[in-house]
Amino acid sequence: MTTNASECFNDILRRARGLPIQGLIMSIYYNLVSLFLKRTSKVEYWTSSDSSTFAPHTKAVLELAE
């Protein structure tokens, strides 16, 4: 989990490398907001489409274990 998150953040920084400091900060901010909005919309879709509190992959693993 940590490696994936750090790679994602490194990718954001890599794209904004040549910007001045204000542009760098704004780029990081907007990229992180976009990332969190995408994840929030996925969670909202999961919770609205099913009464389960688990993500689809977790639910499938739990069903196999039963």
PDB file of N, CA and C in Angstrom:
ATOM      1  N   MET A   1       0.823  -1.193   0.000  1.00  0.00           N
ATOM      2  CA  MET A   1       0.000   0.000   0.000  1.00  0.00           C
ATOM      3  C   MET A   1       0.866   1.256   0.000  1.00  0.00           C
ATOM      4  N   THR A   2       1.882   1.280   0.837  1.00  0.00           N
ATOM      5  CA  THR A   2       2.730   2.462   0.917  1.00  0.00           C
ATOM      6  C   THR A   2       3.479   2.685  -0.390  1.00  0.00           C
ATOM      7  N   THR A   3       3.962   1.630  -0.996  1.00  0.00           N
ATOM      8  CA  THR A   3       4.704   1.770  -2.244  1.00  0.00           C
ATOM      9  C   THR A   3       3.809   2.326  -3.343  1.00  0.00           C
ATOM     10  N   ASN A   4       2.579   1.836  -3.440  1.00  0.00           N
ATOM     11  CA  ASN A   4       1.661   2.312  -4.458  1.00  0.00           C
ATOM     12  C   ASN A   4       1.332   3.786  -4.244  1.00  0.00           C
ATOM     13  N   ALA A   5       1.089   4.177  -3.005  1.00  0.00           N
ATOM     14  CA  ALA A   5       0.780   5.576  -2.709  1.00  0.00           C
ATOM     15  C   ALA A   5       1.977   6.469  -3.005  1.00  0.00           C
ATOM     16  N   SER A   6       3.166   6.017  -2.655  1.00  0.00           N
ATOM     17  CA  SER A   6       4.351   6.837  -2.912  1.00  0.00           C
ATOM     18  C   SER A   6       4.630   6.941  -4.407  1.00  0.00           C
ATOM     19  N   GLU A   7       4.403   5.881  -5.154  1.00  0.00           N
ATOM     20  CA  GLU A   7       4.583   5.938  -6.609  1.00  0.00           C
ATOM     21  C   GLU A   7       3.587   6.905  -7.236  1.00  0.00           C
ATOM     22  N   CYS A   8       2.368   6.903  -6.751  1.00  0.00           N
ATOM     23  CA  CYS A   8       1.354   7.823  -7.263  1.00  0.00           C
ATOM     24  C   CYS A   8       1.764   9.267  -6.991  1.00  0.00           C
ATOM     25  N   PHE A   9       2.212   9.532  -5.768  1.00  0.00           N
ATOM     26  CA  PHE A   9       2.628  10.883  -5.415  1.00  0.00           C
ATOM     27  C   PHE A   9       3.880  11.288  -6.188  1.00  0.00           C
ATOM     28  N   ASN A  10       4.811  10.374  -6.388  1.00  0.00           N
ATOM     29  CA  ASN A  10       6.010  10.671  -7.177  1.00  0.00           C
ATOM     30  C   ASN A  10       5.650  11.014  -8.612  1.00  0.00           C
ATOM     31  N   ASP A  11       4.634  10.350  -9.160  1.00  0.00           N
ATOM     32  CA  ASP A  11       4.189  10.650 -10.517  1.00  0.00           C
ATOM     33  C   ASP A  11       3.619  12.063 -10.597  1.00  0.00           C
ATOM     34  N   ILE A  12       2.861  12.454  -9.574  1.00  0.00           N
ATOM     35  CA  ILE A  12       2.317  13.815  -9.531  1.00  0.00           C
ATOM     36  C   ILE A  12       3.456  14.832  -9.490  1.00  0.00           C
ATOM     37  N   LEU A  13       4.456  14.573  -8.661  1.00  0.00           N
ATOM     38  CA  LEU A  13       5.590  15.496  -8.560  1.00  0.00           C
ATOM     39  C   LEU A  13       6.413  15.526  -9.842  1.00  0.00           C
ATOM     40  N   ARG A  14       6.557  14.390 -10.493  1.00  0.00           N
ATOM     41  CA  ARG A  14       7.359  14.305 -11.716  1.00  0.00           C
ATOM     42  C   ARG A  14       6.760  15.186 -12.812  1.00  0.00           C
ATOM     43  N   ARG A  15       5.425  15.201 -12.909  1.00  0.00           N
ATOM     44  CA  ARG A  15       4.777  16.004 -13.944  1.00  0.00           C
ATOM     45  C   ARG A  15       4.877  17.501 -13.662  1.00  0.00           C
ATOM     46  N   ALA A  16       5.007  17.881 -12.389  1.00  0.00           N
ATOM     47  CA  ALA A  16       5.031  19.298 -12.025  1.00  0.00           C
ATOM     48  C   ALA A  16       6.442  19.801 -11.752  1.00  0.00           C
ATOM     49  N   ARG A  17       7.437  19.056 -12.109  1.00  0.00           N
ATOM     50  CA  ARG A  17       8.820  19.355 -11.731  1.00  0.00           C
ATOM     51  C   ARG A  17       9.314  20.713 -12.218  1.00  0.00           C
ATOM     52  N   GLY A  18       8.998  21.123 -13.421  1.00  0.00           N
ATOM     53  CA  GLY A  18       9.550  22.348 -13.986  1.00  0.00           C
ATOM     54  C   GLY A  18       8.788  23.611 -13.643  1.00  0.00           C
ATOM     55  N   LEU A  19       7.768  23.521 -12.821  1.00  0.00           N
ATOM     56  CA  LEU A  19       6.949  24.683 -12.506  1.00  0.00           C
ATOM     57  C   LEU A  19       7.575  25.525 -11.399  1.00  0.00           C
ATOM     58  N   PRO A  20       7.234  26.822 -11.360  1.00  0.00           N
ATOM     59  CA  PRO A  20       7.644  27.627 -10.207  1.00  0.00           C
ATOM     60  C   PRO A  20       6.916  27.136  -8.953  1.00  0.00           C
ATOM     61  N   ILE A  21       7.336  27.579  -7.780  1.00  0.00           N
ATOM     62  CA  ILE A  21       6.841  27.020  -6.525  1.00  0.00           C
ATOM     63  C   ILE A  21       5.320  27.144  -6.390  1.00  0.00           C
ATOM     64  N   GLN A  22       4.753  28.283  -6.775  1.00  0.00           N
ATOM     65  CA  GLN A  22       3.303  28.440  -6.666  1.00  0.00           C
ATOM     66  C   GLN A  22       2.592  27.475  -7.615  1.00  0.00           C
ATOM     67  N   GLY A  23       3.089  27.340  -8.815  1.00  0.00           N
ATOM     68  CA  GLY A  23       2.511  26.396  -9.765  1.00  0.00           C
ATOM     69  C   GLY A  23       2.663  24.962  -9.300  1.00  0.00           C
ATOM     70  N   LEU A  24       3.800  24.655  -8.684  1.00  0.00           N
ATOM     71  CA  LEU A  24       4.038  23.318  -8.146  1.00  0.00           C
ATOM     72  C   LEU A  24       3.015  22.981  -7.070  1.00  0.00           C
ATOM     73  N   ILE A  25       2.813  23.906  -6.142  1.00  0.00           N
ATOM     74  CA  ILE A  25       1.855  23.673  -5.060  1.00  0.00           C
ATOM     75  C   ILE A  25       0.441  23.543  -5.608  1.00  0.00           C
ATOM     76  N   MET A  26       0.060  24.397  -6.540  1.00  0.00           N
ATOM     77  CA  MET A  26      -1.290  24.323  -7.113  1.00  0.00           C
ATOM     78  C   MET A  26      -1.477  23.022  -7.896  1.00  0.00           C
ATOM     79  N   SER A  27      -0.460  22.596  -8.610  1.00  0.00           N
ATOM     80  CA  SER A  27      -0.547  21.344  -9.360  1.00  0.00           C
ATOM     81  C   SER A  27      -0.731  20.158  -8.426  1.00  0.00           C
ATOM     82  N   ILE A  28       0.057  20.116  -7.359  1.00  0.00           N
ATOM     83  CA  ILE A  28      -0.076  19.035  -6.379  1.00  0.00           C
ATOM     84  C   ILE A  28      -1.463  19.059  -5.764  1.00  0.00           C
ATOM     85  N   TYR A  29      -1.930  20.242  -5.392  1.00  0.00           N
ATOM     86  CA  TYR A  29      -3.248  20.379  -4.771  1.00  0.00           C
ATOM     87  C   TYR A  29      -4.350  19.856  -5.691  1.00  0.00           C
ATOM     88  N   TYR A  30      -4.383  20.322  -6.931  1.00  0.00           N
ATOM     89  CA  TYR A  30      -5.449  19.917  -7.849  1.00  0.00           C
ATOM     90  C   TYR A  30      -5.373  18.435  -8.203  1.00  0.00           C
ATOM     91  N   ASN A  31      -4.175  17.902  -8.330  1.00  0.00           N
ATOM     92  CA  ASN A  31      -4.044  16.472  -8.616  1.00  0.00           C
ATOM     93  C   ASN A  31      -4.530  15.621  -7.452  1.00  0.00           C
ATOM     94  N   LEU A  32      -4.207  16.019  -6.224  1.00  0.00           N
ATOM     95  CA  LEU A  32      -4.663  15.259  -5.064  1.00  0.00           C
ATOM     96  C   LEU A  32      -6.173  15.373  -4.877  1.00  0.00           C
ATOM     97  N   VAL A  33      -6.730  16.560  -5.094  1.00  0.00           N
ATOM     98  CA  VAL A  33      -8.184  16.718  -5.002  1.00  0.00           C
ATOM     99  C   VAL A  33      -8.863  15.833  -6.039  1.00  0.00           C
ATOM    100  N   SER A  34      -8.333  15.806  -7.243  1.00  0.00           N
ATOM    101  CA  SER A  34      -8.900  14.959  -8.292  1.00  0.00           C
ATOM    102  C   SER A  34      -8.834  13.484  -7.909  1.00  0.00           C
ATOM    103  N   LEU A  35      -7.710  13.059  -7.360  1.00  0.00           N
ATOM    104  CA  LEU A  35      -7.549  11.673  -6.937  1.00  0.00           C
ATOM    105  C   LEU A  35      -8.561  11.305  -5.854  1.00  0.00           C
ATOM    106  N   PHE A  36      -8.717  12.177  -4.850  1.00  0.00           N
ATOM    107  CA  PHE A  36      -9.650  11.894  -3.763  1.00  0.00           C
ATOM    108  C   PHE A  36     -11.095  11.914  -4.243  1.00  0.00           C
ATOM    109  N   LEU A  37     -11.426  12.790  -5.195  1.00  0.00           N
ATOM    110  CA  LEU A  37     -12.788  12.815  -5.728  1.00  0.00           C
ATOM    111  C   LEU A  37     -13.109  11.532  -6.489  1.00  0.00           C
ATOM    112  N   LYS A  38     -12.145  11.019  -7.249  1.00  0.00           N
ATOM    113  CA  LYS A  38     -12.360   9.760  -7.962  1.00  0.00           C
ATOM    114  C   LYS A  38     -12.601   8.619  -6.986  1.00  0.00           C
ATOM    115  N   ARG A  39     -11.800   8.561  -5.935  1.00  0.00           N
ATOM    116  CA  ARG A  39     -11.957   7.487  -4.948  1.00  0.00           C
ATOM    117  C   ARG A  39     -13.266   7.626  -4.186  1.00  0.00           C
ATOM    118  N   THR A  40     -13.653   8.859  -3.869  1.00  0.00           N
ATOM    119  CA  THR A  40     -14.915   9.083  -3.170  1.00  0.00           C
ATOM    120  C   THR A  40     -16.091   8.657  -4.031  1.00  0.00           C
ATOM    121  N   SER A  41     -16.044   8.966  -5.316  1.00  0.00           N
ATOM    122  CA  SER A  41     -17.150   8.579  -6.192  1.00  0.00           C
ATOM    123  C   SER A  41     -17.235   7.063  -6.336  1.00  0.00           C
ATOM    124  N   LYS A  42     -16.092   6.364  -6.328  1.00  0.00           N
ATOM    125  CA  LYS A  42     -16.121   4.901  -6.369  1.00  0.00           C
ATOM    126  C   LYS A  42     -16.787   4.332  -5.126  1.00  0.00           C
ATOM    127  N   VAL A  43     -16.439   4.879  -3.972  1.00  0.00           N
ATOM    128  CA  VAL A  43     -17.026   4.401  -2.719  1.00  0.00           C
ATOM    129  C   VAL A  43     -18.520   4.691  -2.688  1.00  0.00           C
ATOM    130  N   GLU A  44     -18.921   5.859  -3.142  1.00  0.00           N
ATOM    131  CA  GLU A  44     -20.345   6.187  -3.180  1.00  0.00           C
ATOM    132  C   GLU A  44     -21.089   5.247  -4.122  1.00  0.00           C
ATOM    133  N   TYR A  45     -20.475   4.885  -5.232  1.00  0.00           N
ATOM    134  CA  TYR A  45     -21.106   3.944  -6.157  1.00  0.00           C
ATOM    135  C   TYR A  45     -21.258   2.576  -5.506  1.00  0.00           C
ATOM    136  N   TRP A  46     -20.223   2.115  -4.804  1.00  0.00           N
ATOM    137  CA  TRP A  46     -20.282   0.811  -4.147  1.00  0.00           C
ATOM    138  C   TRP A  46     -21.381   0.784  -3.096  1.00  0.00           C
ATOM    139  N   THR A  47     -21.471   1.844  -2.302  1.00  0.00           N
ATOM    140  CA  THR A  47     -22.453   1.845  -1.216  1.00  0.00           C
ATOM    141  C   THR A  47     -23.866   2.046  -1.732  1.00  0.00           C
ATOM    142  N   SER A  48     -24.043   2.738  -2.844  1.00  0.00           N
ATOM    143  CA  SER A  48     -25.393   2.952  -3.364  1.00  0.00           C
ATOM    144  C   SER A  48     -25.887   1.764  -4.182  1.00  0.00           C
ATOM    145  N   SER A  49     -24.982   1.010  -4.786  1.00  0.00           N
ATOM    146  CA  SER A  49     -25.397  -0.097  -5.644  1.00  0.00           C
ATOM    147  C   SER A  49     -25.688  -1.365  -4.862  1.00  0.00           C
ATOM    148  N   ASP A  50     -25.196  -1.458  -3.638  1.00  0.00           N
ATOM    149  CA  ASP A  50     -25.364  -2.676  -2.857  1.00  0.00           C
ATOM    150  C   ASP A  50     -25.445  -2.298  -1.387  1.00  0.00           C
ATOM    151  N   SER A  51     -26.112  -3.117  -0.616  1.00  0.00           N
ATOM    152  CA  SER A  51     -26.232  -2.823   0.813  1.00  0.00           C
ATOM    153  C   SER A  51     -25.008  -3.291   1.593  1.00  0.00           C
ATOM    154  N   SER A  52     -24.047  -3.893   0.920  1.00  0.00           N
ATOM    155  CA  SER A  52     -22.840  -4.386   1.575  1.00  0.00           C
ATOM    156  C   SER A  52     -21.920  -3.229   1.956  1.00  0.00           C
ATOM    157  N   THR A  53     -21.191  -3.406   3.038  1.00  0.00           N
ATOM    158  CA  THR A  53     -20.245  -2.373   3.464  1.00  0.00           C
ATOM    159  C   THR A  53     -18.835  -2.643   2.951  1.00  0.00           C
ATOM    160  N   PHE A  54     -18.677  -3.692   2.155  1.00  0.00           N
ATOM    161  CA  PHE A  54     -17.361  -4.059   1.647  1.00  0.00           C
ATOM    162  C   PHE A  54     -17.208  -3.659   0.183  1.00  0.00           C
ATOM    163  N   ALA A  55     -15.966  -3.474  -0.217  1.00  0.00           N
ATOM    164  CA  ALA A  55     -15.657  -3.221  -1.617  1.00  0.00           C
ATOM    165  C   ALA A  55     -15.935  -4.491  -2.420  1.00  0.00           C
ATOM    166  N   PRO A  56     -16.177  -4.380  -3.729  1.00  0.00           N
ATOM    167  CA  PRO A  56     -16.518  -5.556  -4.532  1.00  0.00           C
ATOM    168  C   PRO A  56     -15.492  -6.687  -4.444  1.00  0.00           C
ATOM    169  N   HIS A  57     -14.210  -6.368  -4.491  1.00  0.00           N
ATOM    170  CA  HIS A  57     -13.187  -7.419  -4.430  1.00  0.00           C
ATOM    171  C   HIS A  57     -13.213  -8.117  -3.073  1.00  0.00           C
ATOM    172  N   THR A  58     -13.329  -7.352  -2.007  1.00  0.00           N
ATOM    173  CA  THR A  58     -13.378  -7.926  -0.662  1.00  0.00           C
ATOM    174  C   THR A  58     -14.608  -8.799  -0.499  1.00  0.00           C
ATOM    175  N   LYS A  59     -15.723  -8.341  -1.023  1.00  0.00           N
ATOM    176  CA  LYS A  59     -16.961  -9.116  -0.943  1.00  0.00           C
ATOM    177  C   LYS A  59     -16.815 -10.442  -1.686  1.00  0.00           C
ATOM    178  N   ALA A  60     -16.166 -10.428  -2.846  1.00  0.00           N
ATOM    179  CA  ALA A  60     -15.962 -11.659  -3.612  1.00  0.00           C
ATOM    180  C   ALA A  60     -15.066 -12.633  -2.856  1.00  0.00           C
ATOM    181  N   VAL A  61     -14.025 -12.136  -2.216  1.00  0.00           N
ATOM    182  CA  VAL A  61     -13.135 -13.003  -1.438  1.00  0.00           C
ATOM    183  C   VAL A  61     -13.881 -13.604  -0.254  1.00  0.00           C
ATOM    184  N   LEU A  62     -14.690 -12.809   0.413  1.00  0.00           N
ATOM    185  CA  LEU A  62     -15.464 -13.313   1.547  1.00  0.00           C
ATOM    186  C   LEU A  62     -16.478 -14.368   1.115  1.00  0.00           C
ATOM    187  N   GLU A  63     -17.082 -14.177  -0.051  1.00  0.00           N
ATOM    188  CA  GLU A  63     -18.047 -15.161  -0.546  1.00  0.00           C
ATOM    189  C   GLU A  63     -17.356 -16.475  -0.893  1.00  0.00           C
ATOM    190  N   LEU A  64     -16.133 -16.409  -1.402  1.00  0.00           N
ATOM    191  CA  LEU A  64     -15.387 -17.629  -1.705  1.00  0.00           C
ATOM    192  C   LEU A  64     -14.999 -18.371  -0.428  1.00  0.00           C
ATOM    193  N   ALA A  65     -14.766 -17.625   0.641  1.00  0.00           N
ATOM    194  CA  ALA A  65     -14.345 -18.238   1.898  1.00  0.00           C
ATOM    195  C   ALA A  65     -15.493 -18.938   2.621  1.00  0.00           C
ATOM    196  N   GLU A  66     -16.718 -18.588   2.279  1.00  0.00           N
ATOM    197  CA  GLU A  66     -17.869 -19.191   2.962  1.00  0.00           C
ATOM    198  C   GLU A  66     -18.103 -20.598   2.582  1.00  0.00           C
TER     199      GLU A  66
END
